[in-house]
Structure formats: C-alpha cells, structure tokens
C-alpha cells in the first residue's frame, strides 16, 4: 500500500511516497491546491493501475534498455534482423541522447512528444521526414513497454501530426515521401547501346553492361538481384526463381524475400536471354555460385560496389556529374554532384519497368493485373499501382500532342465567338 503525502519543498509543494523512502512523484507544484488536485488524480491512476509508482522507470533509461534488448534479440538468428532494428540505437546515439525528456514512463503525454519534436528541430535542425521517423520509432518503444507489462497504456500512442499541424512544414514537398527519379526509355536504351560498344573490352566493361541490362530487363530489387545464384536460373524455361536475398550485415544468403508476393518466378525476356548466357559463360570459371560474383571470395558483389559502378557508368554517359575524393588515410569516396537519377541509382530501373508495364496494360491484354503484380513481387496490385502508377514517363512530342488532343476531346467544351 502506497503512503502518498504532500510535503513542502522550499517554496513549492511535492507529492512523496512515504512507503518508498519518501520518493518524490512527478514535478513540484507552485500551490498546495494544485498539489492536492494532482494527488487526487494520482491516487485514482494508481487504483486503476494506469500509473505504477512502486516500480517507476525513467524514459531515457528504459529507451537504452529497449534498443539494447532489440539488438540482442537480432543476434539470436531468428526472423528479426539487425538491419530492421539498427535505427533505434542510431536515433539514440545521434539525436535522442540530448533531446528525450527526463521523465518517468507514466508521465508521458502528448505534450512530451511535442517537446521532443521542438528539441529535435532546435538542437539538430532535422528535416521533417527524419523527425517523423524518430517519432514513429519512439511510439514503437512505447508499444514495447506495454507488451513487456511495464505500463498499461500511454497517451503518446494517440499522438497525431494532424492534430499538431503547426509542427509540420508549410512546404508540402518536405512532407511528401521522396519520389524515385525515373529513367526514361530513351535514356535507358542509349545507355545500353553505348555499353554494348565496349562489352568485350575488359571484365569491368562487361559488368557495367550486365548490371544495367539486368536491372532494366527484370525490374528486380537490388538485394534480390545480388542474391540470384546459378541454380535459380532456368535457361530452358527462361525463368529465374526469386526466393531470397544476400544479407551483407550477416554475411550470408537468406532464403527470405520482402513479402510473400516477392517469392516468385520471373520471366527472362527474349531480348535479354543472349546477354545473360554470354555473362554466365564469361564467369564460368569463377568459384562463386552468384550471378554477380565478388572479385575475391565466393560471395556476391556488394551493394556499395554496384552503386558506385552505376554512378561511374552514368557519369561516363552524361547522366551524372561525380567527384572522387581521397581521404587522409588513403581511402577514396565518391560524391554525386548532380544527376537526374540522384538518390536512386538502381531503383530507377525498377520504377522504369513497373511504369512501363502499367502503361502497357490497356494496350496488351496479356499484361493483366495479376501478371504485373507477380512480375514486380507484390502481394496486391493496389500496392503496385500506389507506388508506381503515379509516374509519368517522358514521351515523344507527337505522342504528347495525341494525349493533349485526347484530353480536349474528353472534356468536350468549345469556345466560339
């Protein structure tokens, strides 16, 4: 049984638990009346177990325990991966260590989140999307506390950005998720044509062509393409089985795709088949079983190496301006100065394939919703349409005129003197 009393502390009043070495509960109050009102509410909350004061936890201490526990869970080797939880530790190390309020878990309110958002903006000047992700991670932490029976519920879970529009930027471009830049069919074709001219020059030239062509003809996610092994390729039936990806953080191939729909057979189109055979023959003596083998060892090429190669390829073909820097240690890193494809060196091809398939559905009955959904590895076509259906591909001027005329005909209005 808790013995809660109001005690004078200096010129203020505080609630103390005399059954727990007079531990102070919450903040101090300016008046005794305010302290009594807070005490009545606290007694009611304790009775309904909304607040547990016998074993209270500081939010900051508990968050450290949370991200440490999640990291330990990921080390077990189950379905939880290090990649999926590393943001919790990173947010603490980079931002939350000096912005997360020093309050007890049962004292969390909507106002706590508001103060956190203001502190993140003032101390770190973060973009809206980053702050949004941190708040989302913090709410995940609170849900973890509930599942661990540390607290029954929390008003933090009711926090909504729609109720605090003053905290959102006025520029809608900062609120929207960043859209992937879309490579046009003309740019893609020119790139492949240029790379074909030097495909037999050396291995690197061959690789540049193959990685661009593989991305452009399959629309695979980069992690899926890297995880393709020779035993998954059926040349006779012109199909590739996608049933896993290579996890570089854990150092091995994982027989797991992004979702159920991602586990699928994809077609090797006729135009791409000869190039695929040529590439497999070129690497026939390599000890690795991966379609894109590493230069050393038996694993695949890294995502970093592939992205760097793509950027260098774009720069050589007028699609990017890059600059390489040498660090004091002797290592090198590359910076993309400008490019229409900045931010999506490999994903742009997936969006190109998806948009091409969606745009062709009306003209070709063979491309129904199920075929397009399956080719892209989605559970639902609505996902495909939501992500890729908003792109507008660059089209020739003559086709633009036809589209414009079609819109005018559909509107059906006339302006006559």
Protein backbone atom coordinates (compact mmCIF):
# COMPACT_ATOMS: atom_id res chain seq x y z
CA UNK A 1 0.00 0.00 0.00
CA UNK A 2 1.44 3.36 -1.01
CA UNK A 3 1.55 6.17 1.54
CA UNK A 4 1.25 9.30 -0.62
CA UNK A 5 1.60 12.70 1.04
CA UNK A 6 2.05 16.34 0.06
CA UNK A 7 5.19 17.91 1.51
CA UNK A 8 6.55 21.42 1.31
CA UNK A 9 9.85 21.62 -0.58
CA UNK A 10 11.27 25.14 -0.37
CA UNK A 11 8.58 27.48 -1.68
CA UNK A 12 6.81 24.68 -3.62
CA UNK A 13 4.84 21.51 -2.89
CA UNK A 14 5.68 17.95 -3.91
CA UNK A 15 3.99 14.55 -3.71
CA UNK A 16 6.08 11.97 -1.89
CA UNK A 17 5.70 8.22 -1.41
CA UNK A 18 6.49 7.68 2.25
CA UNK A 19 6.29 3.93 1.77
CA UNK A 20 9.25 4.15 -0.62
CA UNK A 21 11.83 6.25 1.30
CA UNK A 22 9.83 9.44 0.61
CA UNK A 23 10.48 9.23 -3.11
CA UNK A 24 9.17 12.29 -4.96
CA UNK A 25 6.46 11.55 -7.53
CA UNK A 26 6.45 13.86 -10.53
CA UNK A 27 7.20 17.56 -10.57
CA UNK A 28 6.80 20.19 -7.84
CA UNK A 29 3.76 22.47 -7.71
CA UNK A 30 3.55 26.20 -7.02
CA UNK A 31 0.48 25.95 -4.79
CA UNK A 32 -0.85 23.43 -2.30
CA UNK A 33 -4.19 23.43 -4.13
CA UNK A 34 -2.51 22.29 -7.36
CA UNK A 35 -0.60 19.62 -5.47
CA UNK A 36 -3.80 18.28 -3.85
CA UNK A 37 -5.53 18.09 -7.24
CA UNK A 38 -2.53 16.18 -8.66
CA UNK A 39 -2.55 13.86 -5.63
CA UNK A 40 -6.24 13.01 -6.11
CA UNK A 41 -5.60 12.17 -9.78
CA UNK A 42 -2.51 10.13 -8.89
CA UNK A 43 -4.42 8.08 -6.31
CA UNK A 44 -7.11 7.33 -8.91
CA UNK A 45 -4.50 6.37 -11.52
CA UNK A 46 -2.73 4.08 -9.05
CA UNK A 47 -6.04 2.41 -8.19
CA UNK A 48 -6.76 1.66 -11.87
CA UNK A 49 -3.10 0.66 -12.46
CA UNK A 50 -2.79 3.40 -15.08
CA UNK A 51 0.26 4.53 -13.08
CA UNK A 52 2.56 2.18 -11.18
CA UNK A 53 4.65 4.10 -8.67
CA UNK A 54 6.13 1.16 -6.79
CA UNK A 55 8.44 0.40 -9.71
CA UNK A 56 8.68 3.52 -11.87
CA UNK A 57 11.02 3.78 -14.84
CA UNK A 58 12.76 6.76 -16.39
CA UNK A 59 12.06 7.01 -20.12
CA UNK A 60 15.70 7.67 -21.01
CA UNK A 61 16.98 4.65 -19.10
CA UNK A 62 14.25 2.44 -20.48
CA UNK A 63 14.86 3.50 -24.09
CA UNK A 64 18.52 2.45 -23.79
CA UNK A 65 17.34 -0.90 -22.41
CA UNK A 66 14.88 -1.15 -25.32
CA UNK A 67 17.40 -0.68 -28.14
CA UNK A 68 19.96 -2.87 -26.36
CA UNK A 69 17.39 -5.65 -25.98
CA UNK A 70 16.31 -5.39 -29.62
CA UNK A 71 19.95 -5.69 -30.72
CA UNK A 72 20.38 -8.77 -28.54
CA UNK A 73 17.18 -10.26 -30.00
CA UNK A 74 18.52 -9.73 -33.53
CA UNK A 75 21.73 -11.60 -32.63
CA UNK A 76 19.78 -14.79 -31.90
CA UNK A 77 19.42 -15.51 -35.62
CA UNK A 78 15.64 -15.56 -35.87
CA UNK A 79 13.33 -13.58 -38.13
CA UNK A 80 14.37 -10.26 -36.56
CA UNK A 81 17.36 -8.83 -38.46
CA UNK A 82 19.97 -6.29 -37.41
CA UNK A 83 19.05 -4.15 -40.40
CA UNK A 84 15.45 -3.82 -39.22
CA UNK A 85 16.30 -2.59 -35.71
CA UNK A 86 19.54 -0.64 -36.07
CA UNK A 87 17.66 2.66 -36.37
CA UNK A 88 16.64 2.52 -32.69
CA UNK A 89 20.25 2.64 -31.49
CA UNK A 90 21.22 5.16 -34.18
CA UNK A 91 18.42 7.55 -33.20
CA UNK A 92 19.57 7.45 -29.57
CA UNK A 93 23.23 7.91 -30.39
CA UNK A 94 22.68 10.75 -32.87
CA UNK A 95 19.61 12.62 -31.64
CA UNK A 96 17.68 11.33 -28.63
CA UNK A 97 20.57 11.32 -26.14
CA UNK A 98 20.19 15.09 -25.69
CA UNK A 99 16.55 15.65 -26.66
CA UNK A 100 14.49 12.91 -24.99
CA UNK A 101 12.82 14.41 -21.87
CA UNK A 102 13.98 13.11 -18.48
CA UNK A 103 10.57 11.97 -17.21
CA UNK A 104 9.04 8.79 -15.85
CA UNK A 105 7.29 6.46 -18.26
CA UNK A 106 3.88 7.01 -16.62
CA UNK A 107 4.32 10.77 -17.05
CA UNK A 108 4.44 10.59 -20.84
CA UNK A 109 1.84 12.74 -22.55
CA UNK A 110 1.17 14.15 -26.00
CA UNK A 111 2.99 17.26 -24.82
CA UNK A 112 6.11 15.13 -24.28
CA UNK A 113 6.17 14.28 -27.99
CA UNK A 114 5.57 17.94 -28.89
CA UNK A 115 8.53 18.99 -26.73
CA UNK A 116 10.65 16.22 -28.27
CA UNK A 117 9.85 17.44 -31.79
CA UNK A 118 10.75 21.01 -30.85
CA UNK A 119 14.03 19.87 -29.28
CA UNK A 120 14.95 17.83 -32.37
CA UNK A 121 14.37 20.87 -34.57
CA UNK A 122 16.22 23.29 -32.29
CA UNK A 123 19.27 21.15 -31.50
CA UNK A 124 19.67 19.17 -34.71
CA UNK A 125 17.71 21.09 -37.36
CA UNK A 126 16.41 17.84 -38.84
CA UNK A 127 14.19 17.57 -41.93
CA UNK A 128 10.54 16.73 -41.31
CA UNK A 129 10.75 13.16 -42.64
CA UNK A 130 13.60 12.34 -40.22
CA UNK A 131 11.68 13.77 -37.26
CA UNK A 132 8.61 11.81 -38.40
CA UNK A 133 10.66 8.58 -38.41
CA UNK A 134 12.07 9.30 -34.93
CA UNK A 135 8.58 9.90 -33.50
CA UNK A 136 7.42 6.67 -35.14
CA UNK A 137 10.34 4.79 -33.54
CA UNK A 138 9.54 6.36 -30.16
CA UNK A 139 5.93 5.13 -30.40
CA UNK A 140 7.30 1.66 -31.21
CA UNK A 141 9.34 1.90 -27.99
CA UNK A 142 6.19 2.77 -26.01
CA UNK A 143 4.34 -0.21 -27.51
CA UNK A 144 7.27 -2.42 -26.47
CA UNK A 145 6.89 -1.12 -22.90
CA UNK A 146 3.21 -2.10 -22.95
CA UNK A 147 3.97 -5.58 -24.31
CA UNK A 148 6.60 -6.02 -21.58
CA UNK A 149 3.95 -5.14 -18.94
CA UNK A 150 5.97 -2.15 -17.78
CA UNK A 151 2.98 0.15 -18.32
CA UNK A 152 -0.67 -0.47 -19.18
CA UNK A 153 -1.13 2.24 -21.80
CA UNK A 154 0.13 5.67 -22.81
CA UNK A 155 -1.41 8.78 -24.40
CA UNK A 156 1.67 9.00 -26.61
CA UNK A 157 0.12 6.38 -28.89
CA UNK A 158 -2.71 8.83 -29.63
CA UNK A 159 -0.31 11.48 -30.92
CA UNK A 160 -1.17 12.52 -34.47
CA UNK A 161 0.58 15.00 -36.73
CA UNK A 162 -2.84 16.09 -38.00
CA UNK A 163 -3.58 17.48 -34.52
CA UNK A 164 -0.30 19.42 -34.49
CA UNK A 165 -0.10 20.98 -37.93
CA UNK A 166 1.93 23.88 -36.53
CA UNK A 167 4.82 21.42 -36.18
CA UNK A 168 4.73 20.43 -39.85
CA UNK A 169 6.49 22.46 -42.57
CA UNK A 170 4.33 24.58 -44.83
CA UNK A 171 6.17 23.29 -47.90
CA UNK A 172 4.31 20.12 -48.93
CA UNK A 173 7.45 18.95 -50.74
CA UNK A 174 9.10 18.39 -47.34
CA UNK A 175 6.14 16.35 -46.09
CA UNK A 176 5.72 14.00 -49.02
CA UNK A 177 7.88 10.93 -49.27
CA UNK A 178 10.73 11.39 -51.70
CA UNK A 179 9.82 10.11 -55.14
CA UNK A 180 12.25 7.92 -57.03
CA UNK A 181 13.61 9.59 -60.16
CA UNK A 182 12.51 7.72 -63.27
CA UNK A 183 14.94 6.94 -66.09
CA UNK A 184 13.28 7.33 -69.48
CA UNK A 185 13.12 4.60 -72.11
CA UNK A 186 15.31 6.73 -74.40
CA UNK A 187 17.95 7.27 -71.69
CA UNK A 188 17.93 3.57 -70.83
CA UNK A 189 18.26 2.48 -74.46
CA UNK A 190 21.09 4.96 -75.15
CA UNK A 191 22.90 3.72 -72.05
CA UNK A 192 22.66 0.07 -73.13
CA UNK A 193 23.69 0.91 -76.72
CA UNK A 194 26.79 2.76 -75.51
CA UNK A 195 27.79 -0.03 -73.14
CA UNK A 196 27.39 -2.66 -75.85
CA UNK A 197 30.16 -0.98 -77.87
CA UNK A 198 32.78 -1.84 -75.21
CA UNK A 199 31.33 -5.00 -73.68
CA UNK A 200 34.34 -7.15 -74.65
CA UNK A 201 37.00 -4.62 -73.65
CA UNK A 202 37.54 -6.00 -70.12
CA UNK A 203 35.60 -7.55 -67.23
CA UNK A 204 34.58 -4.18 -65.78
CA UNK A 205 33.11 -3.06 -69.11
CA UNK A 206 31.20 -6.33 -69.32
CA UNK A 207 29.94 -5.89 -65.78
CA UNK A 208 28.73 -2.33 -66.43
CA UNK A 209 26.61 -3.56 -69.31
CA UNK A 210 25.29 -6.59 -67.46
CA UNK A 211 24.24 -4.81 -64.26
CA UNK A 212 22.39 -2.09 -66.19
CA UNK A 213 20.72 -4.62 -68.51
CA UNK A 214 19.79 -6.97 -65.67
CA UNK A 215 18.15 -4.17 -63.70
CA UNK A 216 16.40 -2.76 -66.78
CA UNK A 217 15.06 -6.08 -68.12
CA UNK A 218 13.99 -7.68 -64.81
CA UNK A 219 12.90 -4.82 -62.56
CA UNK A 220 14.30 -6.72 -59.58
CA UNK A 221 15.16 -5.09 -56.28
CA UNK A 222 18.95 -4.78 -55.96
CA UNK A 223 19.02 -7.11 -52.94
CA UNK A 224 17.08 -9.72 -54.96
CA UNK A 225 19.38 -9.44 -57.97
CA UNK A 226 22.51 -9.77 -55.84
CA UNK A 227 21.04 -12.90 -54.23
CA UNK A 228 20.47 -14.70 -57.56
CA UNK A 229 22.57 -17.87 -57.84
CA UNK A 230 23.08 -20.06 -60.92
CA UNK A 231 20.88 -22.83 -59.53
CA UNK A 232 17.96 -20.38 -59.50
CA UNK A 233 18.27 -19.68 -63.24
CA UNK A 234 16.35 -21.94 -65.63
CA UNK A 235 17.65 -21.07 -69.10
CA UNK A 236 15.47 -23.69 -70.83
CA UNK A 237 12.20 -22.30 -69.47
CA UNK A 238 13.54 -18.72 -69.43
CA UNK A 239 12.80 -18.14 -65.77
CA UNK A 240 14.60 -17.04 -62.61
CA UNK A 241 13.43 -18.14 -59.17
CA UNK A 242 13.46 -15.29 -56.64
CA UNK A 243 13.28 -16.78 -53.16
CA UNK A 244 15.85 -14.87 -51.11
CA UNK A 245 18.45 -12.14 -50.86
CA UNK A 246 22.03 -11.73 -49.68
CA UNK A 247 22.32 -10.11 -46.25
CA UNK A 248 25.69 -8.34 -46.16
CA UNK A 249 25.34 -7.37 -42.49
CA UNK A 250 25.04 -11.02 -41.53
CA UNK A 251 27.34 -12.32 -44.28
CA UNK A 252 25.17 -14.97 -45.91
CA UNK A 253 22.25 -15.54 -48.26
CA UNK A 254 18.86 -15.54 -46.56
CA UNK A 255 16.02 -17.62 -48.00
CA UNK A 256 13.51 -14.87 -47.35
CA UNK A 257 12.01 -12.21 -49.58
CA UNK A 258 10.50 -8.85 -48.68
CA UNK A 259 6.97 -10.28 -48.56
CA UNK A 260 5.04 -13.37 -49.68
CA UNK A 261 4.45 -11.95 -53.16
CA UNK A 262 8.18 -11.38 -53.63
CA UNK A 263 8.78 -15.13 -53.64
CA UNK A 264 8.19 -15.77 -57.34
CA UNK A 265 9.36 -16.91 -60.76
CA UNK A 266 10.20 -14.07 -63.15
CA UNK A 267 10.48 -14.38 -66.92
CA UNK A 268 13.71 -13.90 -68.86
CA UNK A 269 12.54 -11.93 -71.90
CA UNK A 270 13.87 -12.97 -75.33
CA UNK A 271 15.88 -9.78 -75.80
CA UNK A 272 17.79 -10.29 -72.54
CA UNK A 273 18.41 -14.05 -72.83
CA UNK A 274 21.52 -13.97 -75.13
CA UNK A 275 23.20 -11.38 -72.91
CA UNK A 276 22.52 -13.44 -69.80
CA UNK A 277 24.00 -16.56 -71.42
CA UNK A 278 27.07 -14.57 -72.52
CA UNK A 279 27.61 -13.25 -68.97
CA UNK A 280 27.25 -16.70 -67.39
CA UNK A 281 29.76 -18.12 -69.88
CA UNK A 282 32.14 -15.25 -69.17
CA UNK A 283 32.17 -16.11 -65.44
CA UNK A 284 32.06 -19.90 -65.85
CA UNK A 285 35.40 -20.48 -64.09
CA UNK A 286 34.65 -18.25 -61.10
CA UNK A 287 34.35 -20.22 -57.81
CA UNK A 288 31.29 -18.23 -56.76
CA UNK A 289 27.78 -19.51 -57.49
CA UNK A 290 26.34 -15.99 -57.66
CA UNK A 291 25.25 -14.30 -60.88
CA UNK A 292 27.27 -11.24 -59.88
CA UNK A 293 30.33 -12.74 -58.17
CA UNK A 294 32.70 -10.74 -55.99
CA UNK A 295 36.19 -10.17 -57.35
CA UNK A 296 37.51 -12.09 -54.33
CA UNK A 297 35.95 -14.98 -52.45
CA UNK A 298 32.78 -16.92 -53.15
CA UNK A 299 30.22 -14.28 -52.22
CA UNK A 300 28.44 -11.75 -54.46
CA UNK A 301 29.45 -8.19 -55.27
CA UNK A 302 28.43 -5.71 -52.59
CA UNK A 303 25.62 -3.19 -52.97
CA UNK A 304 28.17 -0.41 -52.45
CA UNK A 305 30.35 -1.66 -55.32
CA UNK A 306 27.35 -1.97 -57.64
CA UNK A 307 26.03 1.51 -56.82
CA UNK A 308 29.46 3.07 -57.29
CA UNK A 309 29.83 1.30 -60.64
CA UNK A 310 26.40 2.56 -61.71
CA UNK A 311 27.30 6.15 -60.84
CA UNK A 312 30.58 5.93 -62.75
CA UNK A 313 28.69 4.47 -65.70
CA UNK A 314 26.16 7.30 -65.59
CA UNK A 315 28.96 9.86 -65.42
CA UNK A 316 30.66 8.34 -68.47
CA UNK A 317 27.38 8.56 -70.38
CA UNK A 318 26.31 12.08 -69.45
CA UNK A 319 23.73 11.12 -66.83
CA UNK A 320 25.68 12.30 -63.79
CA UNK A 321 28.49 14.54 -62.57
CA UNK A 322 30.58 12.90 -59.86
CA UNK A 323 33.75 13.70 -57.97
CA UNK A 324 36.12 11.33 -56.19
CA UNK A 325 37.90 12.39 -53.02
CA UNK A 326 40.95 10.90 -51.33
CA UNK A 327 40.87 10.74 -47.53
CA UNK A 328 43.96 11.33 -45.35
CA UNK A 329 44.02 7.60 -44.63
CA UNK A 330 44.39 6.92 -48.35
CA UNK A 331 40.89 5.60 -48.89
CA UNK A 332 38.60 7.08 -51.52
CA UNK A 333 34.96 8.03 -51.60
CA UNK A 334 32.71 9.35 -54.32
CA UNK A 335 30.25 12.25 -54.25
CA UNK A 336 27.42 12.75 -56.74
CA UNK A 337 27.43 16.44 -57.66
CA UNK A 338 24.37 16.34 -59.89
CA UNK A 339 22.21 13.80 -61.70
CA UNK A 340 18.57 13.40 -62.73
CA UNK A 341 18.80 9.96 -61.09
CA UNK A 342 20.28 11.16 -57.78
CA UNK A 343 19.08 9.15 -54.82
CA UNK A 344 18.06 6.11 -56.86
CA UNK A 345 20.93 4.77 -58.98
CA UNK A 346 19.47 1.25 -59.17
CA UNK A 347 15.86 1.64 -58.01
CA UNK A 348 15.17 3.88 -61.02
CA UNK A 349 15.20 0.79 -63.27
CA UNK A 350 12.60 -1.00 -61.13
CA UNK A 351 10.36 2.06 -61.38
CA UNK A 352 11.02 2.20 -65.14
CA UNK A 353 9.95 -1.43 -65.61
CA UNK A 354 6.92 -1.08 -63.34
CA UNK A 355 5.70 2.11 -65.02
CA UNK A 356 6.24 0.57 -68.47
CA UNK A 357 4.15 -2.49 -67.54
CA UNK A 358 1.32 -0.44 -66.03
CA UNK A 359 1.21 1.89 -69.03
CA UNK A 360 1.09 -1.08 -71.43
CA UNK A 361 -1.73 -2.93 -69.66
CA UNK A 362 -4.56 -1.29 -71.59
CA UNK A 363 -2.98 -1.95 -75.00
CA UNK A 364 -1.85 -5.54 -74.32
CA UNK A 365 -4.40 -7.95 -72.76
CA UNK A 366 -1.54 -10.34 -71.86
CA UNK A 367 -0.45 -7.84 -69.22
CA UNK A 368 -3.24 -8.20 -66.68
CA UNK A 369 -3.11 -7.06 -63.06
CA UNK A 370 -2.02 -10.46 -61.80
CA UNK A 371 0.89 -10.75 -64.26
CA UNK A 372 2.18 -7.26 -63.48
CA UNK A 373 1.82 -7.77 -59.72
CA UNK A 374 3.68 -11.10 -59.92
CA UNK A 375 6.48 -9.69 -62.08
CA UNK A 376 7.17 -6.96 -59.51
CA UNK A 377 6.80 -9.18 -56.45
CA UNK A 378 3.82 -7.59 -54.70
CA UNK A 379 1.07 -9.29 -52.72
CA UNK A 380 -1.58 -6.91 -54.09
CA UNK A 381 -1.88 -5.00 -57.36
CA UNK A 382 -3.05 -1.99 -55.34
CA UNK A 383 0.48 -1.82 -53.92
CA UNK A 384 1.93 -1.81 -57.44
CA UNK A 385 -0.48 0.89 -58.56
CA UNK A 386 0.06 3.06 -55.49
CA UNK A 387 3.87 3.03 -55.74
CA UNK A 388 4.42 3.07 -59.50
CA UNK A 389 1.14 4.24 -61.01
CA UNK A 390 1.92 7.92 -60.34
CA UNK A 391 4.97 8.16 -62.60
CA UNK A 392 4.77 9.93 -65.95
CA UNK A 393 7.33 8.70 -68.46
CA UNK A 394 8.92 11.05 -70.96
CA UNK A 395 7.15 10.55 -74.29
CA UNK A 396 7.84 11.83 -77.83
CA UNK A 397 6.29 15.15 -78.85
CA UNK A 398 3.92 13.53 -81.38
CA UNK A 399 2.51 11.30 -78.65
CA UNK A 400 2.19 14.29 -76.32
CA UNK A 401 0.05 16.01 -78.94
CA UNK A 402 -2.19 12.93 -79.18
CA UNK A 403 -2.59 12.83 -75.41
CA UNK A 404 -3.37 16.55 -75.29
CA UNK A 405 -5.97 16.19 -78.07
CA UNK A 406 -7.50 13.17 -76.31
CA UNK A 407 -7.87 15.21 -73.11
CA UNK A 408 -9.53 18.03 -75.07
CA UNK A 409 -11.93 15.61 -76.74
CA UNK A 410 -12.83 14.05 -73.39
CA UNK A 411 -13.60 17.47 -71.88
CA UNK A 412 -15.75 18.23 -74.92
CA UNK A 413 -16.05 22.00 -74.44
CA UNK A 414 -15.86 24.63 -77.21
CA UNK A 415 -15.02 28.32 -77.18
CA UNK A 416 -16.67 30.15 -80.08
CA UNK A 417 -17.16 33.83 -80.81
